Amino acid sequence: MTSSLPITKKQTLILNLLQELNEAISAQELHRRLKNRGYSMGLATVYRGLETLKQQGAIKAIITPSGETVYSPLLLDRHHLYCLSCGRSFPIDTCPLTALNMQLPPDYNFHIYYHSLDFYGICGACWQKKQESVNFQK
């Protein structure tokens, strides 16, 4: 975490669960999983905790193609290919922005917490279905 501000016990629970899951997850799903583990925390508290952790640079928030915001620990630097037809996402194993992340802060006197790089298109299976549909109509 980059901020020296203390975090609450509930924010610590949120952060610990995100780190344990090691995946991007919505606030609603995070709330459900906390409840399933026996933690009493309202959904509004989860949202406030996520916002505070994001502002402190402990987690990142990404908006998916469906418009849903998902949260993940900063340790998880994963980018995706999103299919606009079926909605599936495919993780990209490497980050092409690593060198740029190192170059930008000194050039612009800016501290980067995280970045987002996602690609939108049509997956191979959907592309194939589209091609078959076009050929069928001829």
Protein backbone atom coordinates (compact mmCIF):
# COMPACT_ATOMS: atom_id res chain seq x y z
CA MET A 1 0.00 0.00 0.00
CA THR A 2 1.29 3.45 -0.80
CA SER A 3 -0.60 5.52 1.78
CA SER A 4 0.47 5.80 5.38
CA LEU A 5 -3.13 6.24 6.56
CA PRO A 6 -4.33 3.45 8.84
CA ILE A 7 -7.05 1.18 7.50
CA THR A 8 -9.97 -0.13 9.53
CA LYS A 9 -10.49 -3.75 10.56
CA LYS A 10 -13.22 -4.12 7.95
CA GLN A 11 -10.98 -2.67 5.23
CA THR A 12 -8.30 -5.13 6.31
CA LEU A 13 -10.80 -8.00 5.93
CA ILE A 14 -11.68 -6.77 2.43
CA LEU A 15 -8.04 -6.43 1.42
CA ASN A 16 -7.09 -9.82 2.86
CA LEU A 17 -9.92 -11.56 1.01
CA LEU A 18 -9.01 -9.87 -2.28
CA GLN A 19 -5.39 -10.96 -1.85
CA GLU A 20 -6.44 -14.49 -0.96
CA LEU A 21 -8.76 -14.81 -3.97
CA ASN A 22 -6.15 -13.37 -6.35
CA GLU A 23 -8.81 -12.51 -8.92
CA ALA A 24 -10.93 -9.54 -9.92
CA ILE A 25 -14.29 -9.59 -8.12
CA SER A 26 -17.34 -7.33 -7.86
CA ALA A 27 -18.35 -5.60 -4.63
CA GLN A 28 -21.54 -7.69 -4.51
CA GLU A 29 -19.60 -10.96 -4.86
CA LEU A 30 -17.07 -9.81 -2.28
CA HIS A 31 -19.92 -8.98 0.10
CA ARG A 32 -21.45 -12.43 -0.47
CA ARG A 33 -18.16 -14.19 0.21
CA LEU A 34 -17.55 -12.17 3.38
CA LYS A 35 -21.04 -13.10 4.64
CA ASN A 36 -20.41 -16.77 3.78
CA ARG A 37 -17.30 -16.62 5.97
CA GLY A 38 -19.34 -15.28 8.87
CA TYR A 39 -18.34 -11.60 8.69
CA SER A 40 -21.13 -9.13 9.35
CA MET A 41 -20.63 -6.23 6.96
CA GLY A 42 -23.18 -4.28 4.95
CA LEU A 43 -22.85 -3.84 1.20
CA ALA A 44 -22.44 -0.05 1.64
CA THR A 45 -19.53 -0.71 4.03
CA VAL A 46 -17.93 -2.97 1.42
CA TYR A 47 -18.27 -0.24 -1.23
CA ARG A 48 -16.82 2.43 1.11
CA GLY A 49 -13.97 0.11 2.08
CA LEU A 50 -13.16 -0.66 -1.54
CA GLU A 51 -13.18 3.05 -2.43
CA THR A 52 -10.84 3.88 0.45
CA LEU A 53 -8.47 1.03 -0.43
CA LYS A 54 -8.47 2.17 -4.06
CA GLN A 55 -7.69 5.78 -3.12
CA GLN A 56 -4.85 4.58 -0.90
CA GLY A 57 -3.36 2.58 -3.76
CA ALA A 58 -3.92 -0.85 -2.18
CA ILE A 59 -6.31 -2.19 -4.84
CA LYS A 60 -7.39 -1.38 -8.35
CA ALA A 61 -10.84 -1.06 -9.89
CA ILE A 62 -11.55 -2.02 -13.49
CA ILE A 63 -14.82 -1.55 -15.37
CA THR A 64 -15.74 -4.62 -17.44
CA PRO A 65 -17.44 -4.40 -20.87
CA SER A 66 -20.79 -5.07 -19.16
CA GLY A 67 -20.27 -1.94 -17.04
CA GLU A 68 -19.60 -3.81 -13.80
CA THR A 69 -16.72 -2.62 -11.63
CA VAL A 70 -14.43 -5.38 -10.36
CA TYR A 71 -11.67 -5.02 -7.79
CA SER A 72 -8.36 -6.82 -7.38
CA PRO A 73 -5.15 -6.47 -5.40
CA LEU A 74 -2.39 -4.46 -7.02
CA LEU A 75 -0.23 -7.56 -6.98
CA LEU A 76 -2.45 -8.90 -9.75
CA ASP A 77 -1.33 -7.17 -12.97
CA ARG A 78 -3.53 -8.94 -15.47
CA HIS A 79 -4.97 -7.66 -18.72
CA HIS A 80 -7.68 -9.22 -20.86
CA LEU A 81 -9.14 -9.74 -24.30
CA TYR A 82 -12.93 -9.30 -24.07
CA CYS A 83 -15.32 -10.87 -26.56
CA LEU A 84 -18.15 -8.45 -27.31
CA SER A 85 -20.27 -11.28 -28.70
CA CYS A 86 -20.29 -13.93 -25.95
CA GLY A 87 -18.89 -11.85 -23.07
CA ARG A 88 -16.01 -14.18 -22.25
CA SER A 89 -12.66 -12.76 -21.21
CA PHE A 90 -9.23 -14.16 -21.91
CA PRO A 91 -6.31 -13.15 -19.66
CA ILE A 92 -3.09 -11.92 -21.28
CA ASP A 93 -0.09 -13.53 -19.58
CA THR A 94 2.37 -10.65 -19.98
CA CYS A 95 2.08 -6.92 -19.48
CA PRO A 96 3.26 -4.82 -22.42
CA LEU A 97 3.20 -1.66 -20.27
CA THR A 98 5.85 -2.59 -17.70
CA ALA A 99 8.59 -0.46 -19.27
CA LEU A 100 6.23 2.48 -19.77
CA ASN A 101 5.21 2.27 -16.08
CA MET A 102 8.86 2.83 -15.16
CA GLN A 103 9.39 5.67 -17.64
CA LEU A 104 6.30 7.82 -17.03
CA PRO A 105 6.59 8.69 -13.30
CA PRO A 106 9.90 10.59 -13.55
CA ASP A 107 8.97 12.16 -16.90
CA TYR A 108 5.70 13.58 -15.55
CA ASN A 109 6.36 13.77 -11.79
CA PHE A 110 3.51 11.31 -11.25
CA HIS A 111 3.05 8.30 -8.96
CA ILE A 112 1.24 5.46 -10.76
CA TYR A 113 -0.78 3.06 -8.57
CA TYR A 114 -1.91 0.83 -11.43
CA HIS A 115 -2.88 0.86 -15.08
CA SER A 116 -5.53 -0.78 -17.23
CA LEU A 117 -5.09 -2.27 -20.66
CA ASP A 118 -7.89 -4.30 -22.19
CA PHE A 119 -8.76 -5.25 -25.75
CA TYR A 120 -12.28 -5.65 -27.13
CA GLY A 121 -13.26 -7.71 -30.13
CA ILE A 122 -14.64 -11.11 -31.08
CA CYS A 123 -13.18 -14.42 -29.92
CA GLY A 124 -12.29 -17.19 -32.37
CA ALA A 125 -15.40 -19.26 -31.62
CA CYS A 126 -17.74 -16.29 -32.15
CA TRP A 127 -15.84 -15.25 -35.28
CA GLN A 128 -16.26 -18.75 -36.69
CA LYS A 129 -20.01 -18.71 -35.97
CA LYS A 130 -20.25 -15.30 -37.65
CA GLN A 131 -18.41 -16.56 -40.74
CA GLU A 132 -20.60 -19.67 -40.94
CA SER A 133 -23.71 -17.49 -40.68
CA VAL A 134 -22.47 -15.24 -43.51
CA ASN A 135 -21.61 -18.26 -45.71
CA PHE A 136 -24.98 -19.87 -44.92
CA GLN A 137 -26.86 -16.75 -46.04
CA LYS A 138 -25.13 -16.68 -49.45
